[in-house]
């Protein structure tokens, strides 16, 4: 129970920060001053191209990653170190924040959330770590929901609960034009029998329970993109209330923009954004990936 405030004094609201990682996939302009995600701190996830480690903090990851994928080079990903989160949480404590909502990539796809939890356990301020069990702007929308909740006056636990709720209600679908990069990264080992030996097969994947799961396969790119649109439209129609959609792309921007334009006409779509696919996801999905996230609008969202 909180003690009563002294007469004539008003209790000062807690200052709560929001942290996420680069798998959230925000459109770059959203993180700029005045952008929708400005104020969210983002921890970069490393991408390994051959012997080079691209941190995403000071490197241009997109260009070398595209070249490496096109050349069939060795591309891998790694979780950030707990030290990166130590620094992020420590800086926020130094800036006078009272708590942190830390919203991260699915723990079944990366060890990022484990690194965040290790740092949270020794942080100088309370940190609520959320495993969104998703990625891309499905994760990003959860972080945005936490930010909106904080700006509306929510305390730490309430803001974290809002982020978790939005993440649980999200969907993420991928169209992948080749499974070769997924094979190399070991992300489809369990589905090898389902896919057979056809490296040219095109697949629709989605995130279920935090894991990347094959959904359908097809022979043509046109059919793959059409099916991605159908799945998204059906998902939106099955929800009550408005939703936010984001179309991610990597080496396939023209098709992604065309898909986003068609999705703008879908009833129930409050907004449709486009953004590059986060490098940590593109490293496994490969060139030509198009993904769509579906997120319910948060209650009271501005």
Protein backbone atom coordinates (compact mmCIF):
# COMPACT_ATOMS: atom_id res chain seq x y z
CA UNK A 1 0.00 0.00 0.00
CA UNK A 2 1.36 3.40 -0.93
CA UNK A 3 1.61 5.97 1.87
CA UNK A 4 -0.63 8.97 1.57
CA UNK A 5 0.92 11.92 -0.18
CA UNK A 6 1.85 14.85 2.04
CA UNK A 7 -0.71 17.67 2.04
CA UNK A 8 -0.21 20.03 -0.87
CA UNK A 9 2.12 17.63 -2.72
CA UNK A 10 1.41 15.58 -5.83
CA UNK A 11 2.97 12.17 -6.30
CA UNK A 12 5.41 12.20 -9.23
CA UNK A 13 4.62 9.48 -11.81
CA UNK A 14 7.32 6.87 -12.32
CA UNK A 15 9.51 7.28 -15.38
CA UNK A 16 9.38 4.02 -17.34
CA UNK A 17 11.58 3.31 -20.37
CA UNK A 18 10.95 0.85 -23.20
CA UNK A 19 13.75 -1.25 -24.68
CA UNK A 20 13.57 -3.68 -27.58
CA UNK A 21 15.99 -5.25 -30.08
CA UNK A 22 16.56 -4.76 -33.79
CA UNK A 23 14.40 -7.76 -34.69
CA UNK A 24 11.45 -5.43 -34.03
CA UNK A 25 11.94 -4.13 -37.57
CA UNK A 26 10.68 -0.57 -37.16
CA UNK A 27 10.62 1.54 -40.31
CA UNK A 28 13.82 3.61 -39.84
CA UNK A 29 11.99 6.93 -39.84
CA UNK A 30 9.82 5.79 -36.91
CA UNK A 31 12.86 5.91 -34.61
CA UNK A 32 13.74 9.49 -35.54
CA UNK A 33 12.63 12.53 -33.54
CA UNK A 34 8.89 12.86 -34.01
CA UNK A 35 8.55 9.28 -35.26
CA UNK A 36 6.05 6.79 -33.82
CA UNK A 37 8.77 4.78 -32.04
CA UNK A 38 10.99 7.66 -30.98
CA UNK A 39 12.03 7.11 -27.37
CA UNK A 40 12.27 3.30 -27.62
CA UNK A 41 15.85 2.12 -27.05
CA UNK A 42 16.95 -0.59 -29.47
CA UNK A 43 19.69 -3.15 -28.80
CA UNK A 44 21.27 -4.30 -32.07
CA UNK A 45 21.46 -8.02 -32.87
CA UNK A 46 24.73 -9.14 -34.51
CA UNK A 47 24.83 -10.66 -37.99
CA UNK A 48 27.92 -12.66 -38.96
CA UNK A 49 28.99 -12.53 -42.62
CA UNK A 50 31.96 -14.85 -43.04
CA UNK A 51 34.46 -13.72 -40.42
CA UNK A 52 32.96 -10.26 -40.11
CA UNK A 53 30.61 -9.36 -37.29
CA UNK A 54 28.13 -6.64 -38.22
CA UNK A 55 26.70 -5.24 -35.02
CA UNK A 56 24.09 -2.98 -36.58
CA UNK A 57 25.11 -0.23 -34.15
CA UNK A 58 27.69 1.47 -36.34
CA UNK A 59 27.60 -0.72 -39.46
CA UNK A 60 25.42 -0.69 -42.55
CA UNK A 61 24.14 -4.26 -42.27
CA UNK A 62 21.74 -4.28 -45.20
CA UNK A 63 24.15 -3.77 -48.11
CA UNK A 64 26.80 -6.36 -47.12
CA UNK A 65 24.10 -8.83 -46.11
CA UNK A 66 22.43 -8.59 -49.52
CA UNK A 67 25.76 -9.12 -51.26
CA UNK A 68 26.62 -12.08 -49.03
CA UNK A 69 23.25 -13.78 -49.53
CA UNK A 70 23.41 -13.27 -53.30
CA UNK A 71 26.89 -14.82 -53.35
CA UNK A 72 25.89 -17.78 -51.18
CA UNK A 73 28.38 -16.76 -48.49
CA UNK A 74 28.27 -18.04 -44.94
CA UNK A 75 25.73 -15.93 -43.04
CA UNK A 76 24.84 -16.54 -39.41
CA UNK A 77 23.30 -14.70 -36.49
CA UNK A 78 24.21 -14.40 -32.84
CA UNK A 79 22.46 -13.21 -29.75
CA UNK A 80 23.63 -9.93 -28.23
CA UNK A 81 25.80 -10.23 -25.15
CA UNK A 82 24.31 -9.61 -21.70
CA UNK A 83 26.79 -6.73 -21.54
CA UNK A 84 24.86 -4.87 -24.23
CA UNK A 85 21.79 -4.98 -22.02
CA UNK A 86 23.85 -4.08 -18.94
CA UNK A 87 24.89 -0.91 -20.74
CA UNK A 88 21.37 -0.13 -21.97
CA UNK A 89 19.75 -0.60 -18.54
CA UNK A 90 22.61 1.17 -16.77
CA UNK A 91 22.31 4.21 -19.02
CA UNK A 92 18.57 4.41 -18.36
CA UNK A 93 19.18 4.23 -14.60
CA UNK A 94 21.73 7.02 -14.92
CA UNK A 95 19.17 9.08 -16.83
CA UNK A 96 16.77 8.85 -13.90
CA UNK A 97 14.32 6.23 -15.13
CA UNK A 98 12.54 4.17 -12.47
CA UNK A 99 11.93 0.99 -14.46
CA UNK A 100 12.20 -0.66 -17.88
CA UNK A 101 9.89 -2.71 -20.07
CA UNK A 102 12.20 -4.80 -22.27
CA UNK A 103 10.40 -6.35 -25.25
CA UNK A 104 12.20 -9.02 -27.29
CA UNK A 105 12.42 -11.51 -30.12
CA UNK A 106 11.02 -14.97 -29.46
CA UNK A 107 13.19 -17.06 -27.18
CA UNK A 108 12.68 -20.03 -29.52
CA UNK A 109 14.31 -18.10 -32.37
CA UNK A 110 17.17 -16.46 -30.47
CA UNK A 111 18.90 -16.29 -27.11
CA UNK A 112 18.27 -12.53 -26.98
CA UNK A 113 15.62 -12.70 -24.28
CA UNK A 114 17.93 -14.85 -22.10
CA UNK A 115 20.66 -12.21 -22.38
CA UNK A 116 18.14 -9.55 -21.40
CA UNK A 117 17.03 -11.56 -18.37
CA UNK A 118 20.61 -12.05 -17.19
CA UNK A 119 21.20 -8.31 -17.33
CA UNK A 120 17.82 -7.52 -15.76
CA UNK A 121 18.67 -9.66 -12.73
CA UNK A 122 21.60 -7.37 -11.86
CA UNK A 123 20.25 -4.04 -13.12
CA UNK A 124 20.10 -1.03 -10.82
CA UNK A 125 16.39 -0.56 -11.57
CA UNK A 126 13.49 -2.99 -12.02
CA UNK A 127 13.24 -4.49 -15.51
CA UNK A 128 10.27 -6.45 -16.86
CA UNK A 129 11.50 -8.67 -19.71
CA UNK A 130 8.89 -9.79 -22.25
CA UNK A 131 9.43 -12.76 -24.56
CA UNK A 132 7.04 -11.75 -27.35
CA UNK A 133 7.28 -15.21 -28.95
CA UNK A 134 7.28 -13.43 -32.29
CA UNK A 135 9.44 -11.06 -34.36
CA UNK A 136 9.34 -8.20 -36.84
CA UNK A 137 6.71 -5.55 -36.35
CA UNK A 138 4.57 -8.04 -34.42
CA UNK A 139 7.28 -7.54 -31.79
CA UNK A 140 7.62 -3.87 -32.66
CA UNK A 141 3.91 -3.22 -32.13
CA UNK A 142 4.19 -4.77 -28.66
CA UNK A 143 6.98 -2.34 -27.82
CA UNK A 144 4.92 0.54 -29.21
CA UNK A 145 1.96 -0.53 -27.08
CA UNK A 146 4.19 -0.41 -23.99
CA UNK A 147 5.39 3.08 -24.96
CA UNK A 148 1.83 4.32 -25.45
CA UNK A 149 0.80 2.81 -22.12
CA UNK A 150 3.70 4.54 -20.36
CA UNK A 151 2.83 7.87 -21.97
CA UNK A 152 -0.75 7.40 -20.79
CA UNK A 153 0.48 7.02 -17.20
CA UNK A 154 0.74 3.23 -16.82
CA UNK A 155 3.12 1.84 -14.22
CA UNK A 156 5.78 -0.74 -14.98
CA UNK A 157 3.74 -3.93 -14.60
CA UNK A 158 0.73 -2.56 -16.45
CA UNK A 159 2.87 -1.40 -19.38
CA UNK A 160 4.59 -4.80 -19.53
CA UNK A 161 1.22 -6.59 -19.45
CA UNK A 162 0.00 -4.43 -22.34
CA UNK A 163 3.06 -5.35 -24.42
CA UNK A 164 2.60 -9.06 -23.67
CA UNK A 165 -1.10 -8.90 -24.61
CA UNK A 166 -0.43 -7.24 -27.97
CA UNK A 167 2.36 -9.73 -28.73
CA UNK A 168 0.15 -12.74 -27.96
CA UNK A 169 -2.57 -11.42 -30.27
CA UNK A 170 -0.22 -10.89 -33.20
CA UNK A 171 0.46 -12.95 -36.32
CA UNK A 172 3.52 -13.16 -38.56
CA UNK A 173 3.56 -14.75 -42.02
CA UNK A 174 6.59 -15.15 -44.32
CA UNK A 175 6.77 -15.82 -48.04
CA UNK A 176 10.20 -17.33 -48.70
CA UNK A 177 11.18 -17.88 -52.37
CA UNK A 178 13.91 -20.42 -51.58
CA UNK A 179 14.48 -22.69 -48.59
CA UNK A 180 18.23 -22.91 -49.17
CA UNK A 181 19.18 -20.22 -46.66
CA UNK A 182 16.78 -21.67 -44.10
CA UNK A 183 18.46 -25.06 -44.51
CA UNK A 184 21.91 -23.55 -44.02
CA UNK A 185 20.83 -21.84 -40.84
CA UNK A 186 19.18 -24.97 -39.47
CA UNK A 187 15.83 -23.24 -39.14
CA UNK A 188 13.80 -25.89 -41.00
CA UNK A 189 15.45 -29.11 -39.88
CA UNK A 190 12.20 -30.45 -38.44
CA UNK A 191 10.42 -29.78 -41.73
CA UNK A 192 12.97 -31.41 -44.02
CA UNK A 193 10.69 -34.35 -44.81
CA UNK A 194 7.74 -32.07 -45.48
CA UNK A 195 9.79 -29.99 -47.92
CA UNK A 196 11.46 -32.92 -49.60
CA UNK A 197 14.58 -32.37 -51.67
CA UNK A 198 13.27 -29.50 -53.79
CA UNK A 199 15.47 -26.54 -53.01
CA UNK A 200 13.46 -24.44 -55.46
CA UNK A 201 10.24 -24.90 -53.50
CA UNK A 202 8.62 -21.68 -52.29
CA UNK A 203 7.07 -21.71 -48.86
CA UNK A 204 4.77 -19.79 -46.57
CA UNK A 205 5.96 -19.91 -42.97
CA UNK A 206 4.39 -18.48 -39.87
CA UNK A 207 5.26 -18.10 -36.21
CA UNK A 208 3.33 -20.43 -33.92
CA UNK A 209 4.06 -20.59 -30.19
CA UNK A 210 7.26 -18.66 -30.76
CA UNK A 211 8.68 -21.05 -33.38
CA UNK A 212 8.96 -20.71 -37.15
CA UNK A 213 6.63 -23.30 -38.69
CA UNK A 214 6.04 -24.23 -42.37
CA UNK A 215 2.47 -23.57 -43.41
CA UNK A 216 2.18 -24.15 -47.17
CA UNK A 217 4.38 -24.71 -50.20
CA UNK A 218 3.88 -23.68 -53.80
CA UNK A 219 5.67 -23.65 -57.12
CA UNK A 220 5.35 -20.04 -58.30
CA UNK A 221 6.27 -16.69 -56.81
CA UNK A 222 2.97 -15.19 -57.96
CA UNK A 223 1.01 -17.84 -56.10
CA UNK A 224 3.18 -17.44 -53.01
CA UNK A 225 2.53 -13.72 -52.77
CA UNK A 226 -1.16 -14.21 -53.53
CA UNK A 227 -1.43 -16.75 -50.76
CA UNK A 228 0.35 -14.41 -48.35
CA UNK A 229 -2.25 -11.78 -49.13
CA UNK A 230 -5.10 -14.27 -48.65
CA UNK A 231 -3.79 -15.42 -45.27
CA UNK A 232 -3.45 -11.83 -44.11
CA UNK A 233 -6.95 -10.89 -45.30
CA UNK A 234 -8.46 -13.93 -43.57
CA UNK A 235 -6.58 -13.14 -40.36
CA UNK A 236 -7.86 -9.55 -40.30
CA UNK A 237 -11.43 -10.68 -41.05
CA UNK A 238 -11.36 -13.09 -38.09
CA UNK A 239 -10.55 -10.32 -35.59
CA UNK A 240 -12.83 -7.86 -33.86
CA UNK A 241 -11.66 -4.29 -33.90
CA UNK A 242 -9.04 -2.64 -36.07
CA UNK A 243 -5.56 -3.97 -36.79
CA UNK A 244 -2.17 -2.70 -37.87
CA UNK A 245 -0.36 -4.39 -40.75
CA UNK A 246 3.29 -4.17 -41.70
CA UNK A 247 4.82 -5.61 -44.87
CA UNK A 248 8.52 -6.45 -44.49
CA UNK A 249 10.80 -7.03 -47.47
CA UNK A 250 14.42 -7.86 -48.27
CA UNK A 251 15.52 -7.64 -51.89
CA UNK A 252 11.88 -7.66 -52.98
CA UNK A 253 10.66 -4.13 -52.27
CA UNK A 254 8.58 -3.73 -55.43
CA UNK A 255 6.39 -6.74 -54.66
CA UNK A 256 6.12 -5.68 -51.02
CA UNK A 257 4.93 -2.18 -51.90
CA UNK A 258 2.35 -3.59 -54.31
CA UNK A 259 1.10 -5.97 -51.61
CA UNK A 260 0.89 -3.15 -49.06
CA UNK A 261 -1.16 -1.07 -51.49
CA UNK A 262 -3.65 -3.91 -51.95
CA UNK A 263 -3.88 -4.51 -48.20
CA UNK A 264 -4.87 -0.87 -47.62
CA UNK A 265 -8.32 -1.76 -48.95
CA UNK A 266 -8.85 -4.58 -46.44
CA UNK A 267 -11.71 -3.82 -44.05
CA UNK A 268 -10.43 -3.53 -40.49
CA UNK A 269 -6.90 -2.46 -41.43
CA UNK A 270 -6.27 0.71 -39.43
CA UNK A 271 -2.82 1.17 -40.97
CA UNK A 272 -0.48 -0.53 -43.42
CA UNK A 273 3.25 0.17 -43.14
CA UNK A 274 6.25 -1.14 -45.05
CA UNK A 275 9.74 -1.71 -43.67
CA UNK A 276 12.90 -3.64 -44.53
CA UNK A 277 12.95 -7.10 -43.02
CA UNK A 278 15.12 -7.05 -39.89
CA UNK A 279 18.60 -8.21 -40.81
CA UNK A 280 18.55 -10.97 -38.19
CA UNK A 281 15.49 -12.49 -39.91
CA UNK A 282 16.64 -11.83 -43.48
CA UNK A 283 19.88 -13.66 -42.67
CA UNK A 284 17.83 -16.85 -42.33
CA UNK A 285 14.99 -16.22 -44.79
CA UNK A 286 17.26 -15.05 -47.62
CA UNK A 287 16.79 -12.65 -50.50
CA UNK A 288 13.29 -12.09 -51.81
CA UNK A 289 11.48 -12.66 -48.52
CA UNK A 290 8.21 -10.82 -47.98
CA UNK A 291 6.58 -10.97 -44.56
CA UNK A 292 3.39 -9.54 -43.09
CA UNK A 293 2.65 -8.84 -39.45
CA UNK A 294 -0.90 -8.49 -38.12
CA UNK A 295 -1.35 -6.77 -34.76
CA UNK A 296 -4.55 -5.78 -32.98
CA UNK A 297 -4.78 -2.12 -32.08
CA UNK A 298 -4.27 -1.52 -28.37
CA UNK A 299 -7.19 -0.31 -26.30
CA UNK A 300 -7.17 3.45 -26.04
CA UNK A 301 -4.49 3.74 -28.72
CA UNK A 302 -3.98 7.16 -30.13
